Amino acid sequence: FAAAEDKGLLGETLENRTVTVARTHAERIAKYGEAGDPLFDRDYQAVAAVPILIRGRVAAVFAMASLESREWSTSDREFLQQVAVRVAHALDRANAYQLAEQARTEAENLRARADQELSERQKVEAALRDSEARYRALAARTSRLHLLTAGLSEALTLSAVATAVLRHAKLVVGAQAASVALLVNNGTQFEVLADDGVSDDKRQRRFSV
């Protein structure tokens, strides 16, 4: 095991996953060394560091310091733990909102790119009007592409995107089956998000690259 001086204030907090305190600056130096507390300088005396646990993992640490030395009572520590729980809920909620906003932005960008592609295809259509058969085929594909674009623009999760691809992409290219696989584990495996070409009893959800 590493000594407290090697781990520092934050390192000890991360390892123990509980409130870590020091009553004075001298106690901080004795326990963690001069470089063991990167948050507060020597003007501060008492410090406390509190881990923020989200789904069982330390996601952040919040710390506080006092210019005066002080004892950290059991009541103080319990209160800090209660604060940590509320901070964890807020961080988790903010992270979920950020992910949702990112998904919405990506969906809007996808729709914009698809609309641009659709516009370009429509220009091609105008140039091919002299060939009715070719124009009809292109118009049908354009219509299907627009349906795919609409479906993808409303898909805000990986599962929803995969479902939209299976439902609409086959029609765009005239295919009878489709599959969507996501690279996972640092690019070493594929995870099948959706597949309608294989029966459930034969489907392999993950396989190596």
C-alpha atoms as a PDB file:
ATOM      1  CA  PHE A   1       0.000   0.000   0.000  1.00  0.00           C
ATOM      2  CA  ALA A   2       1.194   3.525  -0.776  1.00  0.00           C
ATOM      3  CA  ALA A   3       1.815   5.903   2.090  1.00  0.00           C
ATOM      4  CA  ALA A   4      -0.525   8.890   2.509  1.00  0.00           C
ATOM      5  CA  GLU A   5       2.354  11.184   1.550  1.00  0.00           C
ATOM      6  CA  ASP A   6       2.653   9.385  -1.787  1.00  0.00           C
ATOM      7  CA  LYS A   7      -1.059   9.541  -2.511  1.00  0.00           C
ATOM      8  CA  GLY A   8      -1.812  13.094  -1.398  1.00  0.00           C
ATOM      9  CA  LEU A   9      -5.096  14.496  -0.147  1.00  0.00           C
ATOM     10  CA  LEU A  10      -7.056  13.778  -3.324  1.00  0.00           C
ATOM     11  CA  GLY A  11      -5.472  10.367  -3.814  1.00  0.00           C
ATOM     12  CA  GLU A  12      -6.463   9.282  -0.317  1.00  0.00           C
ATOM     13  CA  THR A  13      -9.989  10.560  -0.906  1.00  0.00           C
ATOM     14  CA  LEU A  14     -10.268   8.595  -4.149  1.00  0.00           C
ATOM     15  CA  GLU A  15      -8.898   5.422  -2.597  1.00  0.00           C
ATOM     16  CA  ASN A  16     -10.956   5.488   0.607  1.00  0.00           C
ATOM     17  CA  ARG A  17     -14.096   6.848  -1.099  1.00  0.00           C
ATOM     18  CA  THR A  18     -14.975   8.800   2.021  1.00  0.00           C
ATOM     19  CA  VAL A  19     -14.487  12.255   3.540  1.00  0.00           C
ATOM     20  CA  THR A  20     -10.804  13.061   4.122  1.00  0.00           C
ATOM     21  CA  VAL A  21      -9.924  15.891   6.521  1.00  0.00           C
ATOM     22  CA  ALA A  22      -6.985  17.706   8.085  1.00  0.00           C
ATOM     23  CA  ARG A  23      -7.295  20.063  11.037  1.00  0.00           C
ATOM     24  CA  THR A  24      -4.296  22.317  10.367  1.00  0.00           C
ATOM     25  CA  HIS A  25      -1.783  23.193   7.684  1.00  0.00           C
ATOM     26  CA  ALA A  26       0.916  21.510   9.737  1.00  0.00           C
ATOM     27  CA  GLU A  27      -1.124  18.321   9.818  1.00  0.00           C
ATOM     28  CA  ARG A  28      -1.569  18.488   6.043  1.00  0.00           C
ATOM     29  CA  ILE A  29       2.182  18.863   5.501  1.00  0.00           C
ATOM     30  CA  ALA A  30       2.990  16.082   7.958  1.00  0.00           C
ATOM     31  CA  LYS A  31       0.503  13.733   6.324  1.00  0.00           C
ATOM     32  CA  TYR A  32       0.794  14.594   2.636  1.00  0.00           C
ATOM     33  CA  GLY A  33       4.008  16.578   2.210  1.00  0.00           C
ATOM     34  CA  GLU A  34       4.440  19.967   0.565  1.00  0.00           C
ATOM     35  CA  ALA A  35       3.038  18.806  -2.811  1.00  0.00           C
ATOM     36  CA  GLY A  36       0.367  16.530  -1.410  1.00  0.00           C
ATOM     37  CA  ASP A  37      -2.407  19.120  -1.426  1.00  0.00           C
ATOM     38  CA  PRO A  38      -2.608  20.850  -4.834  1.00  0.00           C
ATOM     39  CA  LEU A  39      -5.833  22.710  -4.063  1.00  0.00           C
ATOM     40  CA  PHE A  40      -5.045  25.052  -1.170  1.00  0.00           C
ATOM     41  CA  ASP A  41      -1.874  26.965  -0.223  1.00  0.00           C
ATOM     42  CA  ARG A  42      -0.353  27.381   3.205  1.00  0.00           C
ATOM     43  CA  ASP A  43      -2.628  30.310   4.107  1.00  0.00           C
ATOM     44  CA  TYR A  44      -5.389  27.776   4.714  1.00  0.00           C
ATOM     45  CA  GLN A  45      -5.468  25.582   7.766  1.00  0.00           C
ATOM     46  CA  ALA A  46      -8.283  23.012   7.986  1.00  0.00           C
ATOM     47  CA  VAL A  47      -9.332  21.205   4.795  1.00  0.00           C
ATOM     48  CA  ALA A  48     -11.880  18.558   3.858  1.00  0.00           C
ATOM     49  CA  ALA A  49     -12.162  16.604   0.599  1.00  0.00           C
ATOM     50  CA  VAL A  50     -15.352  14.753  -0.266  1.00  0.00           C
ATOM     51  CA  PRO A  51     -15.744  12.141  -3.066  1.00  0.00           C
ATOM     52  CA  ILE A  52     -18.748  12.406  -5.382  1.00  0.00           C
ATOM     53  CA  LEU A  53     -20.002   8.911  -6.171  1.00  0.00           C
ATOM     54  CA  ILE A  54     -22.142   8.296  -9.246  1.00  0.00           C
ATOM     55  CA  ARG A  55     -23.310   4.725  -9.827  1.00  0.00           C
ATOM     56  CA  GLY A  56     -20.676   3.423  -7.439  1.00  0.00           C
ATOM     57  CA  ARG A  57     -17.743   5.250  -9.076  1.00  0.00           C
ATOM     58  CA  VAL A  58     -15.917   8.359  -7.905  1.00  0.00           C
ATOM     59  CA  ALA A  59     -16.807  10.923 -10.569  1.00  0.00           C
ATOM     60  CA  ALA A  60     -15.516  14.062  -8.852  1.00  0.00           C
ATOM     61  CA  VAL A  61     -14.190  15.493  -5.606  1.00  0.00           C
ATOM     62  CA  PHE A  62     -15.211  18.716  -3.936  1.00  0.00           C
ATOM     63  CA  ALA A  63     -13.035  20.256  -1.272  1.00  0.00           C
ATOM     64  CA  MET A  64     -13.214  23.144   1.155  1.00  0.00           C
ATOM     65  CA  ALA A  65     -10.727  24.917   3.371  1.00  0.00           C
ATOM     66  CA  SER A  66     -10.744  27.240   6.350  1.00  0.00           C
ATOM     67  CA  LEU A  67      -8.288  29.967   7.292  1.00  0.00           C
ATOM     68  CA  GLU A  68      -8.584  28.786  10.884  1.00  0.00           C
ATOM     69  CA  SER A  69      -7.734  25.388  12.277  1.00  0.00           C
ATOM     70  CA  ARG A  70     -10.744  23.328  13.285  1.00  0.00           C
ATOM     71  CA  GLU A  71     -11.914  19.929  14.342  1.00  0.00           C
ATOM     72  CA  TRP A  72     -14.101  18.037  11.885  1.00  0.00           C
ATOM     73  CA  SER A  73     -16.791  16.401  13.971  1.00  0.00           C
ATOM     74  CA  THR A  74     -18.765  13.302  13.081  1.00  0.00           C
ATOM     75  CA  SER A  75     -21.710  15.597  12.415  1.00  0.00           C
ATOM     76  CA  ASP A  76     -19.576  17.661  10.021  1.00  0.00           C
ATOM     77  CA  ARG A  77     -18.562  14.553   8.086  1.00  0.00           C
ATOM     78  CA  GLU A  78     -22.116  13.244   7.888  1.00  0.00           C
ATOM     79  CA  PHE A  79     -23.294  16.597   6.620  1.00  0.00           C
ATOM     80  CA  LEU A  80     -20.578  16.630   3.940  1.00  0.00           C
ATOM     81  CA  GLN A  81     -21.637  13.135   2.868  1.00  0.00           C
ATOM     82  CA  GLN A  82     -25.216  14.355   2.509  1.00  0.00           C
ATOM     83  CA  VAL A  83     -23.993  17.282   0.421  1.00  0.00           C
ATOM     84  CA  ALA A  84     -22.009  14.841  -1.719  1.00  0.00           C
ATOM     85  CA  VAL A  85     -25.130  12.767  -2.444  1.00  0.00           C
ATOM     86  CA  ARG A  86     -26.991  15.845  -3.651  1.00  0.00           C
ATOM     87  CA  VAL A  87     -24.062  17.005  -5.748  1.00  0.00           C
ATOM     88  CA  ALA A  88     -23.833  13.525  -7.296  1.00  0.00           C
ATOM     89  CA  HIS A  89     -27.506  13.627  -8.280  1.00  0.00           C
ATOM     90  CA  ALA A  90     -27.045  17.060  -9.847  1.00  0.00           C
ATOM     91  CA  LEU A  91     -23.925  16.001 -11.761  1.00  0.00           C
ATOM     92  CA  ASP A  92     -25.612  12.842 -13.006  1.00  0.00           C
ATOM     93  CA  ARG A  93     -28.624  14.819 -14.149  1.00  0.00           C
ATOM     94  CA  ALA A  94     -26.432  17.433 -15.854  1.00  0.00           C
ATOM     95  CA  ASN A  95     -24.443  14.720 -17.614  1.00  0.00           C
ATOM     96  CA  ALA A  96     -27.632  13.070 -18.873  1.00  0.00           C
ATOM     97  CA  TYR A  97     -28.866  16.432 -20.156  1.00  0.00           C
ATOM     98  CA  GLN A  98     -25.543  17.091 -21.875  1.00  0.00           C
ATOM     99  CA  LEU A  99     -25.668  13.699 -23.596  1.00  0.00           C
ATOM    100  CA  ALA A 100     -29.244  14.352 -24.708  1.00  0.00           C
ATOM    101  CA  GLU A 101     -28.260  17.759 -26.090  1.00  0.00           C
ATOM    102  CA  GLN A 102     -25.314  16.210 -27.896  1.00  0.00           C
ATOM    103  CA  ALA A 103     -27.589  13.592 -29.434  1.00  0.00           C
ATOM    104  CA  ARG A 104     -30.055  16.291 -30.491  1.00  0.00           C
ATOM    105  CA  THR A 105     -27.279  18.354 -32.081  1.00  0.00           C
ATOM    106  CA  GLU A 106     -25.931  15.348 -33.917  1.00  0.00           C
ATOM    107  CA  ALA A 107     -29.421  14.522 -35.159  1.00  0.00           C
ATOM    108  CA  GLU A 108     -29.885  18.079 -36.409  1.00  0.00           C
ATOM    109  CA  ASN A 109     -26.512  17.989 -38.164  1.00  0.00           C
ATOM    110  CA  LEU A 110     -27.426  14.667 -39.734  1.00  0.00           C
ATOM    111  CA  ARG A 111     -30.700  16.084 -40.962  1.00  0.00           C
ATOM    112  CA  ALA A 112     -28.940  19.148 -42.397  1.00  0.00           C
ATOM    113  CA  ARG A 113     -26.421  16.972 -44.230  1.00  0.00           C
ATOM    114  CA  ALA A 114     -29.154  14.711 -45.511  1.00  0.00           C
ATOM    115  CA  ASP A 115     -31.203  17.711 -46.683  1.00  0.00           C
ATOM    116  CA  GLN A 116     -28.143  18.994 -48.530  1.00  0.00           C
ATOM    117  CA  GLU A 117     -27.675  15.623 -50.170  1.00  0.00           C
ATOM    118  CA  LEU A 118     -31.347  15.576 -51.041  1.00  0.00           C
ATOM    119  CA  SER A 119     -31.039  19.005 -52.655  1.00  0.00           C
ATOM    120  CA  GLU A 120     -28.086  17.836 -54.711  1.00  0.00           C
ATOM    121  CA  ARG A 121     -29.987  14.752 -55.790  1.00  0.00           C
ATOM    122  CA  GLN A 122     -32.894  16.898 -56.854  1.00  0.00           C
ATOM    123  CA  LYS A 123     -30.547  18.857 -59.105  1.00  0.00           C
ATOM    124  CA  VAL A 124     -29.449  15.597 -60.639  1.00  0.00           C
ATOM    125  CA  GLU A 125     -33.091  14.696 -61.178  1.00  0.00           C
ATOM    126  CA  ALA A 126     -33.629  17.820 -63.250  1.00  0.00           C
ATOM    127  CA  ALA A 127     -30.729  16.857 -65.500  1.00  0.00           C
ATOM    128  CA  LEU A 128     -32.140  13.372 -66.019  1.00  0.00           C
ATOM    129  CA  ARG A 129     -35.715  14.310 -66.863  1.00  0.00           C
ATOM    130  CA  ASP A 130     -35.128  13.416 -70.493  1.00  0.00           C
ATOM    131  CA  SER A 131     -34.872   9.813 -69.405  1.00  0.00           C
ATOM    132  CA  GLU A 132     -38.213   9.020 -67.808  1.00  0.00           C
ATOM    133  CA  ALA A 133     -37.258   5.574 -66.645  1.00  0.00           C
ATOM    134  CA  ARG A 134     -34.057   6.756 -64.971  1.00  0.00           C
ATOM    135  CA  TYR A 135     -35.833   9.748 -63.473  1.00  0.00           C
ATOM    136  CA  ARG A 136     -38.545   7.577 -61.934  1.00  0.00           C
ATOM    137  CA  ALA A 137     -35.960   5.287 -60.368  1.00  0.00           C
ATOM    138  CA  LEU A 138     -34.053   8.245 -58.945  1.00  0.00           C
ATOM    139  CA  ALA A 139     -37.238   9.901 -57.672  1.00  0.00           C
ATOM    140  CA  ALA A 140     -38.221   6.721 -55.863  1.00  0.00           C
ATOM    141  CA  ARG A 141     -34.815   6.478 -54.241  1.00  0.00           C
ATOM    142  CA  THR A 142     -34.908  10.158 -53.295  1.00  0.00           C
ATOM    143  CA  SER A 143     -38.263   9.668 -51.619  1.00  0.00           C
ATOM    144  CA  ARG A 144     -36.916   6.714 -49.693  1.00  0.00           C
ATOM    145  CA  LEU A 145     -33.831   8.696 -48.713  1.00  0.00           C
ATOM    146  CA  HIS A 146     -36.070  11.439 -47.364  1.00  0.00           C
ATOM    147  CA  LEU A 147     -37.937   8.877 -45.264  1.00  0.00           C
ATOM    148  CA  LEU A 148     -34.600   7.629 -43.957  1.00  0.00           C
ATOM    149  CA  THR A 149     -33.545  11.207 -43.190  1.00  0.00           C
ATOM    150  CA  ALA A 150     -36.745  11.844 -41.285  1.00  0.00           C
ATOM    151  CA  GLY A 151     -36.370   8.621 -39.330  1.00  0.00           C
ATOM    152  CA  LEU A 152     -32.750   9.349 -38.437  1.00  0.00           C
ATOM    153  CA  SER A 153     -33.493  12.925 -37.416  1.00  0.00           C
ATOM    154  CA  GLU A 154     -35.877  11.655 -34.759  1.00  0.00           C
ATOM    155  CA  ALA A 155     -33.505   8.977 -33.475  1.00  0.00           C
ATOM    156  CA  LEU A 156     -31.692  10.179 -30.338  1.00  0.00           C
ATOM    157  CA  THR A 157     -30.262   6.843 -29.153  1.00  0.00           C
ATOM    158  CA  LEU A 158     -28.003   4.248 -30.743  1.00  0.00           C
ATOM    159  CA  SER A 159     -30.836   1.720 -30.702  1.00  0.00           C
ATOM    160  CA  ALA A 160     -33.213   4.142 -32.401  1.00  0.00           C
ATOM    161  CA  VAL A 161     -30.652   4.993 -35.108  1.00  0.00           C
ATOM    162  CA  ALA A 162     -30.042   1.304 -35.766  1.00  0.00           C
ATOM    163  CA  THR A 163     -33.775   0.626 -35.996  1.00  0.00           C
ATOM    164  CA  ALA A 164     -34.228   3.532 -38.430  1.00  0.00           C
ATOM    165  CA  VAL A 165     -31.415   2.196 -40.607  1.00  0.00           C
ATOM    166  CA  LEU A 166     -32.954  -1.277 -40.735  1.00  0.00           C
ATOM    167  CA  ARG A 167     -36.400   0.072 -41.471  1.00  0.00           C
ATOM    168  CA  HIS A 168     -35.529   2.576 -44.189  1.00  0.00           C
ATOM    169  CA  ALA A 169     -32.030   1.996 -45.580  1.00  0.00           C
ATOM    170  CA  LYS A 170     -32.974  -1.335 -47.127  1.00  0.00           C
ATOM    171  CA  LEU A 171     -35.656   0.400 -49.155  1.00  0.00           C
ATOM    172  CA  VAL A 172     -33.229   3.090 -50.337  1.00  0.00           C
ATOM    173  CA  VAL A 173     -30.866   0.577 -51.925  1.00  0.00           C
ATOM    174  CA  GLY A 174     -33.342  -2.222 -52.565  1.00  0.00           C
ATOM    175  CA  ALA A 175     -31.880  -4.680 -50.069  1.00  0.00           C
ATOM    176  CA  GLN A 176     -33.704  -7.509 -48.298  1.00  0.00           C
ATOM    177  CA  ALA A 177     -31.718  -7.545 -45.041  1.00  0.00           C
ATOM    178  CA  ALA A 178     -29.564  -5.162 -43.071  1.00  0.00           C
ATOM    179  CA  SER A 179     -27.356  -5.063 -39.989  1.00  0.00           C
ATOM    180  CA  VAL A 180     -25.794  -2.287 -37.896  1.00  0.00           C
ATOM    181  CA  ALA A 181     -22.662  -3.073 -35.857  1.00  0.00           C
ATOM    182  CA  LEU A 182     -20.860  -0.670 -33.499  1.00  0.00           C
ATOM    183  CA  LEU A 183     -17.122  -0.782 -32.799  1.00  0.00           C
ATOM    184  CA  VAL A 184     -16.541  -1.313 -29.050  1.00  0.00           C
ATOM    185  CA  ASN A 185     -13.721  -2.194 -26.654  1.00  0.00           C
ATOM    186  CA  ASN A 186     -11.234   0.233 -28.222  1.00  0.00           C
ATOM    187  CA  GLY A 187     -12.004  -0.977 -31.712  1.00  0.00           C
ATOM    188  CA  THR A 188     -11.363  -4.657 -31.045  1.00  0.00           C
ATOM    189  CA  GLN A 189     -14.936  -5.902 -31.297  1.00  0.00           C
ATOM    190  CA  PHE A 190     -18.176  -5.271 -33.127  1.00  0.00           C
ATOM    191  CA  GLU A 191     -21.440  -5.152 -31.195  1.00  0.00           C
ATOM    192  CA  VAL A 192     -24.538  -5.792 -33.298  1.00  0.00           C
ATOM    193  CA  LEU A 193     -27.093  -3.081 -32.532  1.00  0.00           C
ATOM    194  CA  ALA A 194     -29.714  -4.321 -34.974  1.00  0.00           C
ATOM    195  CA  ASP A 195     -29.937  -7.207 -37.427  1.00  0.00           C
ATOM    196  CA  ASP A 196     -32.942  -8.578 -39.278  1.00  0.00           C
ATOM    197  CA  GLY A 197     -31.028 -10.979 -41.508  1.00  0.00           C
ATOM    198  CA  VAL A 198     -30.335 -13.652 -38.909  1.00  0.00           C
ATOM    199  CA  SER A 199     -32.730 -15.516 -36.672  1.00  0.00           C
ATOM    200  CA  ASP A 200     -32.513 -14.796 -32.946  1.00  0.00           C
ATOM    201  CA  ASP A 201     -31.182 -18.274 -32.123  1.00  0.00           C
ATOM    202  CA  LYS A 202     -28.258 -17.845 -34.544  1.00  0.00           C
ATOM    203  CA  ARG A 203     -27.488 -14.171 -33.897  1.00  0.00           C
ATOM    204  CA  GLN A 204     -24.086 -13.378 -32.371  1.00  0.00           C
ATOM    205  CA  ARG A 205     -24.295 -10.055 -30.543  1.00  0.00           C
ATOM    206  CA  ARG A 206     -20.532  -9.479 -30.357  1.00  0.00           C
ATOM    207  CA  PHE A 207     -17.599 -10.664 -32.423  1.00  0.00           C
ATOM    208  CA  SER A 208     -13.937  -9.731 -32.875  1.00  0.00           C
ATOM    209  CA  VAL A 209     -12.766  -7.430 -35.622  1.00  0.00           C
END
